[in-house]
Protein backbone atom coordinates (compact mmCIF):
# COMPACT_ATOMS: atom_id res chain seq x y z
CA MET A 1 -30.00 -36.76 -54.25
CA LYS A 2 -32.55 -39.58 -54.11
CA ALA A 3 -33.15 -41.48 -57.32
CA GLY A 4 -36.59 -42.44 -58.44
CA THR A 5 -38.07 -44.60 -61.16
CA ASP A 6 -37.75 -44.47 -64.95
CA THR A 7 -40.92 -43.11 -66.50
CA GLY A 8 -40.01 -44.11 -70.06
CA THR A 9 -41.19 -41.39 -72.45
CA ALA A 10 -41.42 -41.89 -76.20
CA ASP A 11 -38.17 -40.22 -77.23
CA ARG A 12 -35.96 -39.87 -74.19
CA SER A 13 -35.85 -41.74 -70.92
CA THR A 14 -36.78 -39.72 -67.84
CA ALA A 15 -36.59 -40.33 -64.13
CA VAL A 16 -37.64 -38.71 -60.88
CA ALA A 17 -35.10 -37.66 -58.26
CA ASP A 18 -34.79 -35.31 -55.29
CA VAL A 19 -32.07 -32.98 -56.60
CA ASP A 20 -31.28 -30.15 -54.18
CA PRO A 21 -29.30 -27.57 -56.20
CA VAL A 22 -27.98 -25.53 -53.26
CA SER A 23 -27.18 -27.89 -50.38
CA GLU A 24 -23.57 -28.25 -49.29
CA SER A 25 -21.63 -31.37 -50.18
CA ARG A 26 -18.05 -32.57 -50.03
CA ALA A 27 -15.44 -31.80 -52.67
CA LEU A 28 -16.25 -33.30 -56.09
CA GLU A 29 -19.49 -34.92 -54.89
CA ARG A 30 -21.77 -32.56 -56.79
CA MET A 31 -20.23 -33.30 -60.18
CA ALA A 32 -20.33 -37.01 -59.37
CA GLU A 33 -24.06 -36.62 -58.67
CA PHE A 34 -24.55 -35.00 -62.08
CA ASP A 35 -22.67 -37.94 -63.65
CA ALA A 36 -24.98 -40.36 -61.84
CA LEU A 37 -28.06 -38.46 -62.99
CA ARG A 38 -26.86 -38.60 -66.60
CA GLU A 39 -26.37 -42.35 -66.37
CA GLN A 40 -29.84 -42.69 -64.89
CA ALA A 41 -31.76 -40.68 -67.49
CA ASP A 42 -31.51 -37.95 -70.10
CA ILE A 43 -34.14 -35.79 -68.41
CA ILE A 44 -34.74 -35.75 -64.64
CA ARG A 45 -37.79 -34.41 -62.86
CA SER A 46 -36.57 -33.09 -59.52
CA THR A 47 -39.06 -33.16 -56.67
CA TRP A 48 -37.07 -30.63 -54.64
CA ASN A 49 -38.91 -27.48 -53.56
CA GLN A 50 -41.66 -26.85 -56.12
CA GLY A 51 -40.03 -29.09 -58.69
CA TYR A 52 -38.00 -28.46 -61.83
CA TRP A 53 -36.41 -30.29 -64.77
CA VAL A 54 -32.74 -31.30 -65.19
CA LEU A 55 -31.16 -31.91 -68.61
CA THR A 56 -28.16 -34.21 -68.32
CA ARG A 57 -27.03 -34.70 -71.94
CA SER A 58 -24.86 -32.44 -74.05
CA ASP A 59 -27.17 -32.33 -77.08
CA LEU A 60 -30.23 -31.48 -74.97
CA GLN A 61 -28.44 -28.70 -73.11
CA ARG A 62 -27.16 -27.19 -76.34
CA GLU A 63 -30.69 -27.26 -77.75
CA ALA A 64 -32.04 -25.37 -74.73
CA PHE A 65 -29.21 -22.82 -74.70
CA GLN A 66 -29.71 -22.07 -78.38
CA ASN A 67 -33.46 -21.47 -78.10
CA PRO A 68 -33.96 -18.38 -75.88
CA LYS A 69 -37.47 -17.89 -77.25
CA GLN A 70 -38.57 -21.13 -75.56
CA PHE A 71 -36.05 -21.14 -72.68
CA SER A 72 -35.76 -17.66 -71.21
CA ASN A 73 -32.97 -16.19 -69.11
CA SER A 74 -35.45 -14.25 -66.99
CA ALA A 75 -34.85 -16.85 -64.25
CA ILE A 76 -31.52 -18.65 -64.02
CA GLN A 77 -31.69 -20.76 -60.85
CA PRO A 78 -34.13 -23.51 -59.84
CA HIS A 79 -34.93 -21.96 -56.46
CA PHE A 80 -35.66 -18.49 -57.91
CA ALA A 81 -38.41 -18.94 -60.51
CA ASN A 82 -39.41 -15.32 -59.86
CA PRO A 83 -36.17 -13.64 -58.77
CA GLU A 84 -36.12 -10.32 -56.97
CA HIS A 85 -32.68 -9.41 -58.28
CA PHE A 86 -31.96 -8.69 -61.92
CA TYR A 87 -28.59 -9.13 -63.59
CA ILE A 88 -27.89 -7.30 -66.85
CA PRO A 89 -27.39 -8.62 -69.50
CA GLU A 90 -27.53 -12.21 -68.18
CA MET A 91 -31.24 -12.12 -67.34
CA LEU A 92 -32.29 -10.44 -70.58
CA ASP A 93 -33.47 -12.20 -73.72
CA PRO A 94 -32.98 -11.05 -77.32
CA PRO A 95 -33.36 -8.42 -78.68
CA GLU A 96 -32.60 -6.45 -75.46
CA HIS A 97 -29.79 -8.85 -74.60
CA THR A 98 -28.25 -8.37 -78.05
CA LYS A 99 -28.07 -4.59 -77.59
CA TRP A 100 -26.15 -4.96 -74.34
CA ARG A 101 -23.77 -7.51 -75.84
CA GLN A 102 -22.98 -5.10 -78.66
CA LEU A 103 -22.02 -2.44 -76.12
CA LEU A 104 -19.98 -4.75 -73.91
CA GLY A 105 -18.45 -6.94 -76.60
CA PRO A 106 -15.55 -4.64 -77.63
CA TYR A 107 -14.26 -4.55 -74.03
CA PHE A 108 -14.00 -8.35 -73.91
CA SER A 109 -12.80 -9.03 -77.46
CA PRO A 110 -9.66 -11.15 -77.97
CA GLY A 111 -7.70 -8.10 -79.10
CA ARG A 112 -8.71 -5.95 -76.13
CA ILE A 113 -8.03 -8.75 -73.65
CA ALA A 114 -4.59 -9.35 -75.21
CA THR A 115 -3.57 -5.83 -74.19
CA LEU A 116 -4.18 -6.78 -70.55
CA GLU A 117 -1.66 -9.62 -70.58
CA PRO A 118 1.33 -7.68 -69.16
CA ALA A 119 -0.73 -6.40 -66.22
CA VAL A 120 -2.31 -9.81 -65.57
CA GLN A 121 1.06 -11.54 -65.73
CA ARG A 122 2.71 -8.98 -63.46
CA ARG A 123 -0.02 -9.27 -60.84
CA CYS A 124 0.10 -13.05 -60.98
CA GLN A 125 3.88 -13.06 -60.50
CA GLU A 126 3.57 -10.70 -57.52
CA ILE A 127 1.05 -12.84 -55.68
CA ILE A 128 2.89 -16.12 -56.28
CA GLY A 129 6.23 -14.51 -55.43
CA ALA A 130 4.88 -13.53 -52.02
CA ILE A 131 3.78 -17.13 -51.41
CA ALA A 132 6.59 -19.22 -52.91
CA GLN A 133 9.09 -19.04 -50.04
CA ARG A 134 6.50 -20.00 -47.43
CA GLY A 135 6.31 -23.62 -48.51
CA GLU A 136 2.60 -23.75 -47.80
CA CYS A 137 -0.62 -21.86 -48.41
CA ASP A 138 -4.34 -22.16 -48.67
CA PHE A 139 -4.43 -22.00 -52.45
CA TYR A 140 -8.07 -20.89 -52.46
CA GLU A 141 -7.61 -18.07 -49.96
CA ASP A 142 -4.07 -16.92 -50.74
CA PHE A 143 -4.08 -17.09 -54.52
CA ALA A 144 -7.27 -18.15 -56.30
CA ARG A 145 -9.42 -15.47 -54.67
CA GLU A 146 -6.99 -12.58 -54.76
CA TYR A 147 -5.67 -12.99 -58.31
CA PRO A 148 -8.86 -12.47 -60.40
CA THR A 149 -10.23 -9.90 -57.94
CA THR A 150 -7.47 -7.37 -58.56
CA ILE A 151 -7.69 -7.96 -62.34
CA PHE A 152 -11.44 -7.29 -62.27
CA MET A 153 -11.03 -4.14 -60.22
CA GLY A 154 -8.51 -2.72 -62.66
CA LEU A 155 -10.80 -3.48 -65.60
CA MET A 156 -13.73 -1.72 -63.96
CA GLY A 157 -11.69 1.22 -62.66
CA LEU A 158 -12.05 0.37 -58.96
CA PRO A 159 -9.25 1.17 -56.51
CA VAL A 160 -7.25 -2.01 -55.88
CA GLU A 161 -6.90 -1.08 -52.21
CA ASP A 162 -10.62 -1.85 -51.84
CA ALA A 163 -10.08 -5.50 -52.83
CA LYS A 164 -10.45 -6.84 -49.29
CA GLN A 165 -13.89 -5.28 -48.93
CA PHE A 166 -14.93 -6.72 -52.30
CA LEU A 167 -13.85 -10.16 -51.15
CA VAL A 168 -16.09 -9.81 -48.09
CA TRP A 169 -19.04 -8.99 -50.35
CA GLU A 170 -18.09 -11.83 -52.68
CA ASP A 171 -18.23 -14.28 -49.79
CA ALA A 172 -21.65 -13.09 -48.71
CA ILE A 173 -23.12 -13.26 -52.22
CA LEU A 174 -21.48 -16.31 -53.71
CA ASN A 175 -20.22 -18.52 -50.89
CA TYR A 176 -23.45 -19.17 -49.06
CA SER A 177 -25.72 -22.14 -48.51
CA SER A 178 -29.34 -22.61 -47.58
CA GLU A 179 -28.05 -23.50 -44.11
CA SER A 180 -25.84 -20.44 -43.56
CA ASP A 181 -28.20 -17.80 -44.97
CA PRO A 182 -31.71 -19.31 -45.20
CA GLU A 183 -33.51 -16.00 -45.67
CA GLN A 184 -30.76 -14.65 -47.96
CA THR A 185 -30.56 -11.45 -45.96
CA LYS A 186 -26.75 -11.45 -46.12
CA ILE A 187 -26.83 -11.81 -49.89
CA MET A 188 -29.28 -8.98 -50.42
CA GLN A 189 -27.34 -6.64 -48.11
CA ALA A 190 -24.05 -7.43 -49.85
CA MET A 191 -25.62 -6.81 -53.27
CA ALA A 192 -26.90 -3.46 -52.06
CA ASP A 193 -23.44 -2.59 -50.71
CA VAL A 194 -21.77 -3.49 -54.03
CA GLN A 195 -24.22 -1.35 -55.95
CA GLY A 196 -23.69 1.48 -53.47
CA CYS A 197 -19.96 1.31 -54.13
CA PHE A 198 -20.52 1.49 -57.88
CA ARG A 199 -22.96 4.38 -57.45
CA GLU A 200 -20.19 6.34 -55.74
CA LEU A 201 -17.79 5.38 -58.53
CA PHE A 202 -20.29 6.62 -61.14
CA ALA A 203 -20.38 10.03 -59.47
CA LEU A 204 -16.58 10.16 -59.39
CA ARG A 205 -16.12 9.08 -63.02
CA ARG A 206 -18.57 11.71 -64.25
CA VAL A 207 -16.15 14.38 -63.07
CA GLU A 208 -12.89 12.37 -63.36
CA PRO A 209 -13.24 10.07 -66.39
CA ARG A 210 -10.63 7.40 -67.00
CA ASP A 211 -9.92 4.61 -69.47
CA ASP A 212 -12.04 1.96 -67.81
CA LEU A 213 -15.32 0.14 -68.37
CA VAL A 214 -17.33 2.22 -65.90
CA THR A 215 -16.34 5.50 -67.54
CA ALA A 216 -17.29 4.11 -70.95
CA ALA A 217 -20.63 2.74 -69.69
CA LEU A 218 -21.68 6.17 -68.45
CA THR A 219 -21.60 7.40 -72.07
CA TRP A 220 -23.64 4.54 -73.54
CA GLU A 221 -27.02 5.05 -75.13
CA MET A 222 -29.67 2.53 -76.10
CA ASP A 223 -32.35 3.34 -78.66
CA GLY A 224 -31.06 6.90 -78.67
CA LYS A 225 -31.46 7.42 -74.92
CA PRO A 226 -28.98 7.33 -72.03
CA ILE A 227 -29.08 4.04 -70.13
CA PRO A 228 -30.77 4.45 -66.70
CA GLU A 229 -28.35 4.36 -63.79
CA GLN A 230 -30.10 1.39 -62.16
CA ASP A 231 -29.57 -0.68 -65.29
CA LEU A 232 -25.88 0.21 -65.23
CA LEU A 233 -25.72 -0.78 -61.57
CA ASN A 234 -27.33 -4.13 -62.36
CA MET A 235 -24.74 -4.64 -65.09
CA CYS A 236 -21.88 -3.83 -62.71
CA LEU A 237 -23.27 -6.27 -60.14
CA LEU A 238 -23.20 -9.01 -62.75
CA MET A 239 -19.66 -8.08 -63.80
CA PHE A 240 -18.66 -8.29 -60.14
CA MET A 241 -20.16 -11.75 -59.67
CA ALA A 242 -19.09 -13.21 -63.01
CA GLY A 243 -15.59 -11.74 -62.90
CA LEU A 244 -14.58 -13.01 -59.48
CA ASP A 245 -15.85 -16.38 -58.35
CA THR A 246 -15.76 -18.20 -61.69
CA VAL A 247 -12.01 -17.93 -62.25
CA THR A 248 -11.38 -18.47 -58.53
CA GLN A 249 -13.25 -21.73 -58.49
CA GLN A 250 -11.96 -22.96 -61.84
CA LEU A 251 -8.45 -22.53 -60.46
CA SER A 252 -9.39 -24.29 -57.23
CA TYR A 253 -10.78 -27.40 -58.91
CA SER A 254 -7.90 -27.52 -61.40
CA PHE A 255 -5.22 -27.30 -58.72
CA LEU A 256 -7.02 -29.81 -56.50
CA HIS A 257 -6.70 -32.19 -59.44
CA LEU A 258 -3.03 -31.38 -60.03
CA ALA A 259 -2.19 -31.73 -56.34
CA THR A 260 -3.71 -35.22 -56.33
CA HIS A 261 -2.59 -36.36 -59.82
CA PRO A 262 1.20 -35.89 -59.87
CA GLU A 263 1.56 -37.32 -63.38
CA ASP A 264 -0.54 -34.45 -64.79
CA ARG A 265 1.28 -31.86 -62.67
CA GLU A 266 4.67 -33.20 -63.75
CA ARG A 267 3.67 -33.07 -67.40
CA ILE A 268 2.79 -29.38 -67.12
CA VAL A 269 6.13 -28.66 -65.43
CA ARG A 270 8.03 -30.69 -68.01
CA ASP A 271 6.14 -29.38 -71.04
CA PRO A 272 4.57 -25.93 -70.48
CA GLU A 273 3.42 -25.95 -74.12
CA VAL A 274 0.61 -28.30 -73.04
CA ILE A 275 -0.89 -25.68 -70.71
CA PRO A 276 -3.49 -24.25 -73.16
CA ASP A 277 -4.78 -27.78 -73.82
CA ALA A 278 -4.73 -28.53 -70.08
CA VAL A 279 -6.79 -25.39 -69.39
CA GLU A 280 -9.41 -26.50 -71.93
CA GLU A 281 -9.55 -30.00 -70.49
CA PHE A 282 -9.97 -28.72 -66.95
CA LEU A 283 -12.71 -26.38 -68.16
CA ARG A 284 -14.45 -29.40 -69.64
CA PHE A 285 -13.98 -31.90 -66.84
CA TYR A 286 -14.56 -29.43 -64.00
CA SER A 287 -17.30 -27.30 -65.55
CA ILE A 288 -18.43 -25.32 -62.53
CA VAL A 289 -21.41 -23.32 -63.81
CA THR A 290 -24.93 -24.66 -63.21
CA PRO A 291 -27.39 -22.29 -64.93
CA GLY A 292 -31.13 -22.54 -65.38
CA ARG A 293 -33.70 -21.34 -67.88
CA LYS A 294 -37.41 -20.53 -67.56
CA VAL A 295 -39.92 -22.18 -69.89
CA THR A 296 -41.88 -19.46 -71.72
CA SER A 297 -44.78 -21.62 -72.96
CA ASP A 298 -46.01 -25.18 -72.68
CA VAL A 299 -43.93 -27.47 -74.86
CA ASP A 300 -43.36 -31.17 -75.42
CA PHE A 301 -39.57 -31.43 -75.14
CA HIS A 302 -38.46 -34.84 -76.35
CA GLY A 303 -41.51 -36.43 -74.81
CA CYS A 304 -41.49 -34.40 -71.56
CA PRO A 305 -44.35 -31.96 -70.83
CA PHE A 306 -42.58 -28.74 -69.86
CA LYS A 307 -45.06 -26.17 -68.53
CA GLN A 308 -44.87 -22.39 -68.80
CA GLY A 309 -43.01 -20.91 -65.83
CA GLU A 310 -41.10 -24.08 -64.93
CA ILE A 311 -37.33 -24.04 -64.54
CA VAL A 312 -34.99 -26.20 -66.57
CA TYR A 313 -31.63 -26.83 -64.86
CA LEU A 314 -28.51 -27.17 -67.04
CA PRO A 315 -25.46 -28.25 -64.98
CA LEU A 316 -22.65 -27.87 -67.48
CA SER A 317 -20.45 -30.64 -66.09
CA ALA A 318 -23.20 -33.14 -66.88
CA ALA A 319 -22.98 -32.10 -70.54
CA SER A 320 -19.20 -31.75 -70.69
CA ARG A 321 -18.65 -35.27 -69.34
CA ASP A 322 -21.26 -36.83 -71.63
CA GLN A 323 -19.37 -39.70 -73.24
CA ASP A 324 -21.63 -39.69 -76.27
CA GLU A 325 -19.84 -36.48 -77.25
CA PHE A 326 -16.61 -36.90 -75.27
CA PRO A 327 -15.35 -40.52 -75.44
CA GLY A 328 -13.48 -41.25 -72.23
CA GLY A 329 -15.09 -38.15 -70.79
CA ASP A 330 -14.88 -39.53 -67.26
CA ARG A 331 -11.14 -38.87 -67.12
CA VAL A 332 -8.83 -35.88 -67.68
CA ASP A 333 -6.87 -36.12 -70.93
CA PHE A 334 -4.68 -33.17 -71.99
CA ASP A 335 -4.45 -34.67 -75.49
CA ARG A 336 -8.19 -34.65 -76.08
CA SER A 337 -9.04 -33.44 -79.58
CA PRO A 338 -11.45 -32.11 -80.52
CA ASN A 339 -12.60 -30.62 -77.24
CA HIS A 340 -15.74 -28.63 -77.99
CA HIS A 341 -16.93 -28.35 -74.39
CA ILE A 342 -19.62 -25.93 -73.23
CA ALA A 343 -17.98 -24.77 -70.01
CA PHE A 344 -18.76 -21.21 -71.15
CA GLY A 345 -22.31 -22.10 -72.18
CA ALA A 346 -23.71 -21.95 -75.70
CA GLY A 347 -26.04 -19.83 -77.79
CA PRO A 348 -26.54 -16.06 -77.42
CA HIS A 349 -25.62 -16.10 -73.73
CA ARG A 350 -22.26 -17.79 -74.18
CA CYS A 351 -19.90 -16.27 -71.59
CA LEU A 352 -18.82 -12.77 -72.57
CA GLY A 353 -15.67 -13.03 -70.46
CA SER A 354 -14.39 -16.32 -71.88
CA HIS A 355 -11.31 -14.73 -73.50
CA LEU A 356 -10.32 -13.02 -70.25
CA ALA A 357 -10.94 -16.18 -68.21
CA ARG A 358 -8.82 -18.32 -70.52
CA ARG A 359 -5.97 -15.82 -70.36
CA GLU A 360 -6.12 -15.56 -66.57
CA LEU A 361 -6.12 -19.34 -66.26
CA ARG A 362 -3.26 -19.84 -68.71
CA ILE A 363 -1.07 -17.24 -67.02
CA ALA A 364 -1.82 -18.69 -63.58
CA PHE A 365 -0.78 -22.17 -64.73
CA GLU A 366 2.41 -20.86 -66.32
CA GLU A 367 3.54 -18.67 -63.44
CA TRP A 368 2.59 -21.04 -60.62
CA HIS A 369 4.43 -24.00 -62.12
CA ARG A 370 7.43 -21.85 -62.93
CA GLN A 371 7.78 -20.72 -59.30
CA ILE A 372 6.19 -23.65 -57.42
CA PRO A 373 6.54 -26.80 -59.54
CA ASN A 374 6.34 -29.45 -56.78
CA TYR A 375 3.28 -29.17 -54.57
CA ARG A 376 0.79 -31.49 -52.97
CA LEU A 377 -2.04 -31.51 -50.49
CA ALA A 378 -0.99 -30.73 -46.93
CA PRO A 379 0.03 -33.88 -45.02
CA ASP A 380 -2.71 -35.58 -43.04
CA PHE A 381 -5.28 -33.40 -44.79
CA ASP A 382 -8.53 -35.19 -45.55
CA ILE A 383 -10.01 -34.08 -48.86
CA SER A 384 -13.47 -34.99 -47.58
CA THR A 385 -13.30 -32.00 -45.22
CA ILE A 386 -13.36 -29.58 -48.17
CA HIS A 387 -16.89 -28.27 -48.52
CA GLU A 388 -18.41 -27.90 -51.95
CA HIS A 389 -21.16 -25.32 -52.29
CA VAL A 390 -23.17 -23.94 -55.18
CA ALA A 391 -24.06 -20.26 -55.06
CA GLY A 392 -24.98 -17.88 -57.82
CA GLY A 393 -25.10 -20.92 -60.10
CA VAL A 394 -21.38 -21.66 -59.58
CA LEU A 395 -19.90 -24.70 -57.85
CA GLY A 396 -17.16 -23.84 -55.39
CA LEU A 397 -14.67 -25.12 -52.84
CA ASP A 398 -14.00 -23.39 -49.55
CA ARG A 399 -10.27 -24.16 -49.10
CA LEU A 400 -7.31 -25.99 -50.59
CA PRO A 401 -4.23 -26.39 -48.34
CA LEU A 402 -1.06 -27.07 -50.32
CA VAL A 403 2.56 -27.63 -49.30
CA TRP A 404 5.84 -27.77 -51.25
CA ASP A 405 9.58 -27.94 -50.71
CA VAL A 406 11.16 -24.50 -50.83
CA GLY A 407 14.18 -24.00 -53.06
CA GLY A 408 14.10 -27.10 -55.19
CA ARG A 409 12.27 -28.66 -58.12
């Protein structure tokens, strides 16, 4: 990121900077860059690629999220103003988006998600139990990736034994950089493979229906007509992407913090009742999603001339650390109240899976600290060697080596 000069508009200060949204960085650097951008100006004009806008303040991001008529979801990343792929319902605007949310909503309601708790807890206990006596692990690889993947597969009706293949596809789609896959051929092939897998599952569920989301989706109608199979495949691709990497990376950032801030880790061990508040504070401080919106018509936005077709970038951690809304927002505080963060977005596209994500995170915190209360970064490990990437609009780490003493608290 290269800062530029303040242009001084009438209502909000702006600046120019070279903000590359997809280059690799070191752990925690990307969020620190967003913090620096927010301190520099409320609205940034990035000169990267063909140029785009960055909103750094909480109130401005909320305004954009809540106005889909002006800020469309038809493009959601700065480097894809005219994307070839199409995720349903994320890349739809109302009223089409509303129809899909009405169909999907009951499967992600608080009541429905509550029924999953025994299975989620059991799976979490199994994975941690297999790790606990080792005294070491790569938290990212051994726990954070595997745990939400198996939960997602059960929800969709996929065979859990296929989890390893899904993790391979997840890597290709979400854990890439402009350096590792410049033409994005690996991403497109992996997306095609995921959709091919779901196409086979559709055929199976038509003759062997079960109590899962895929079986239900095959019966859905919209405007009195069956939903085309390709639209269902695009929905399943989104469920795959949203259901895997987000929880994985939220866990990774949270446990990186706990492994390097023993006072916070010890408080969770000593007082598990604080875990729901800790989850919310980690969601705020380490908001990992970095969505975009496409401007639908020329508009003067707080003094800035947004043009039709331009992309507006909305990195959520910039908003969730905005100290105008969150006093002391530059530090983690489990006692923060109120804590109305926007880690799950805002407006009509607020994350459909937020109830499931919160439950997965809470259970992971409870079970991990029950079985492995004392952990830390591996000795002689340099945190600067952890790569931080952004793919699919989600910030992510590539590893997190932890160690602990076996058999004692």
